[in-house]
Protein backbone atom coordinates (compact mmCIF):
# COMPACT_ATOMS: atom_id res chain seq x y z
CA MET A 1 5.41 1.37 27.42
CA PRO A 2 4.15 3.47 24.52
CA TRP A 3 7.10 2.86 22.18
CA LYS A 4 5.52 4.66 19.22
CA PHE A 5 5.12 7.81 21.29
CA ILE A 6 8.70 7.60 22.56
CA LEU A 7 10.00 7.16 19.00
CA PHE A 8 7.88 10.09 17.84
CA ILE A 9 9.33 12.33 20.58
CA PHE A 10 12.84 11.12 19.74
CA PHE A 11 12.47 11.99 16.05
CA LEU A 12 10.87 15.31 16.94
CA ILE A 13 13.88 16.19 19.11
CA LEU A 14 16.24 14.96 16.39
CA GLY A 15 14.48 17.23 13.87
CA ALA A 16 14.68 20.20 16.24
CA VAL A 17 18.42 19.62 16.77
CA PHE A 18 18.94 19.34 13.00
CA THR A 19 17.03 22.58 12.49
CA GLY A 20 18.99 24.40 15.18
CA LEU A 21 22.35 23.28 13.83
CA ASN A 22 21.50 24.31 10.27
CA LEU A 23 19.94 27.72 10.86
CA GLY A 24 23.09 29.40 9.59
CA ASN A 25 23.38 27.22 6.46
CA ALA A 26 21.53 28.74 3.52
CA CYS A 27 21.24 28.03 -0.17
CA ASN A 28 19.72 29.56 -3.28
CA ILE A 29 16.83 27.79 -4.99
CA ASN A 30 16.37 28.44 -8.70
CA LEU A 31 12.96 27.49 -10.15
CA GLY A 32 13.83 28.70 -13.64
CA PHE A 33 11.64 31.80 -13.57
CA LYS A 34 12.49 32.92 -10.03
CA THR A 35 15.44 32.51 -7.70
CA PHE A 36 14.94 32.34 -3.96
CA GLU A 37 18.06 33.47 -2.15
CA GLN A 38 19.35 32.55 1.30
CA ILE A 39 16.77 29.84 2.06
CA PRO A 40 17.77 27.78 5.12
CA VAL A 41 18.81 24.22 4.27
CA PHE A 42 16.41 22.65 6.77
CA LEU A 43 13.46 24.35 5.01
CA THR A 44 14.61 22.93 1.68
CA ILE A 45 14.76 19.44 3.16
CA LEU A 46 11.43 19.90 4.96
CA PHE A 47 9.63 20.97 1.78
CA ALA A 48 11.20 18.10 -0.18
CA PHE A 49 9.95 15.67 2.47
CA LEU A 50 6.44 17.17 2.39
CA ALA A 51 6.41 17.02 -1.42
CA GLY A 52 7.29 13.31 -1.21
CA ILE A 53 4.42 12.74 1.20
CA LEU A 54 1.98 14.52 -1.12
CA VAL A 55 3.13 12.47 -4.12
CA THR A 56 2.85 9.09 -2.36
CA LEU A 57 -0.36 9.78 -0.43
CA PRO A 58 -2.77 9.01 -3.33
CA PHE A 59 -1.03 5.67 -3.92
CA ALA A 60 -1.25 4.72 -0.26
CA LEU A 61 -4.93 5.65 0.00
CA SER A 62 -6.04 3.99 -3.25
CA ARG A 63 -4.50 0.62 -2.35
CA GLY A 64 -7.59 -0.55 -0.45
CA LYS A 65 -10.01 0.08 -3.34
CA LYS A 66 -8.79 -2.78 -5.54
CA GLU A 67 -11.00 -5.81 -5.88
CA PRO A 68 -9.49 -8.81 -4.15
CA ALA A 69 -8.60 -11.86 -6.19
CA ILE A 70 -11.12 -14.68 -6.10
CA LYS A 71 -10.22 -16.92 -3.21
CA PRO A 72 -11.88 -20.11 -2.08
CA GLU A 73 -14.31 -19.80 0.78
CA LYS A 74 -12.94 -20.23 4.29
CA GLY A 75 -12.78 -23.74 5.63
CA LEU A 76 -12.34 -25.43 2.27
CA LYS A 77 -9.78 -28.18 2.26
CA ASN A 78 -9.75 -29.01 -1.45
CA LYS A 79 -11.40 -28.16 -4.74
CA LYS A 80 -14.13 -30.75 -4.16
CA GLN A 81 -15.77 -28.38 -1.69
CA LEU A 82 -15.78 -25.37 -4.04
CA SER A 83 -19.05 -23.94 -5.25
CA PRO A 84 -19.62 -24.10 -9.03
CA GLU A 85 -19.20 -20.32 -9.34
CA VAL A 86 -15.81 -20.31 -7.65
CA LEU A 87 -14.64 -23.44 -9.50
CA ALA A 88 -15.64 -21.91 -12.84
CA ALA A 89 -13.72 -18.73 -12.02
CA VAL A 90 -10.62 -20.47 -10.65
CA GLU A 91 -10.24 -23.04 -13.42
CA ASP A 92 -11.68 -20.85 -16.21
CA LEU A 93 -14.44 -23.34 -17.03
CA PRO A 94 -17.91 -22.82 -18.43
CA TYR A 95 -20.46 -22.72 -15.63
CA ALA A 96 -22.28 -25.89 -16.79
CA GLU A 97 -19.06 -27.90 -16.75
CA ALA A 98 -18.20 -26.57 -13.30
CA VAL A 99 -21.63 -27.67 -12.02
CA GLU A 100 -21.06 -31.16 -13.43
CA ARG A 101 -17.63 -31.37 -11.79
CA VAL A 102 -19.05 -30.34 -8.42
CA LYS A 103 -21.84 -32.93 -8.71
CA ALA A 104 -19.36 -35.62 -9.73
CA SER A 105 -16.97 -34.76 -6.91
CA LYS A 106 -19.79 -35.01 -4.38
CA ASN A 107 -20.51 -38.51 -5.64
CA ASN A 108 -16.74 -39.28 -5.69
CA LYS A 109 -16.89 -39.87 -9.43
CA ARG A 110 -14.78 -38.41 -12.18
CA PRO A 111 -16.67 -36.39 -14.81
């Protein structure tokens, strides 16, 4: 069954019931330079919710643009199989030393 759709309909009905029950409840909103009088409570809550969405939306959309951390290539079982570039980055070594370590590990020798 389409559970997401059912939940969406449920929350839509819940929001409509909340709106209907609070049509008579009103409040005044003071922005400092202007006061809005007799604004329904559900509109206040709705605009607060939409403002929260607008504030968090840039953070949610920019999350995928970060560069991923350097990770070993897939299928590697230990550091002996790392390429010199990855080994140099992971262990913060000069490239020449990383090349020597990779060569030594292929020959099962210690550098």
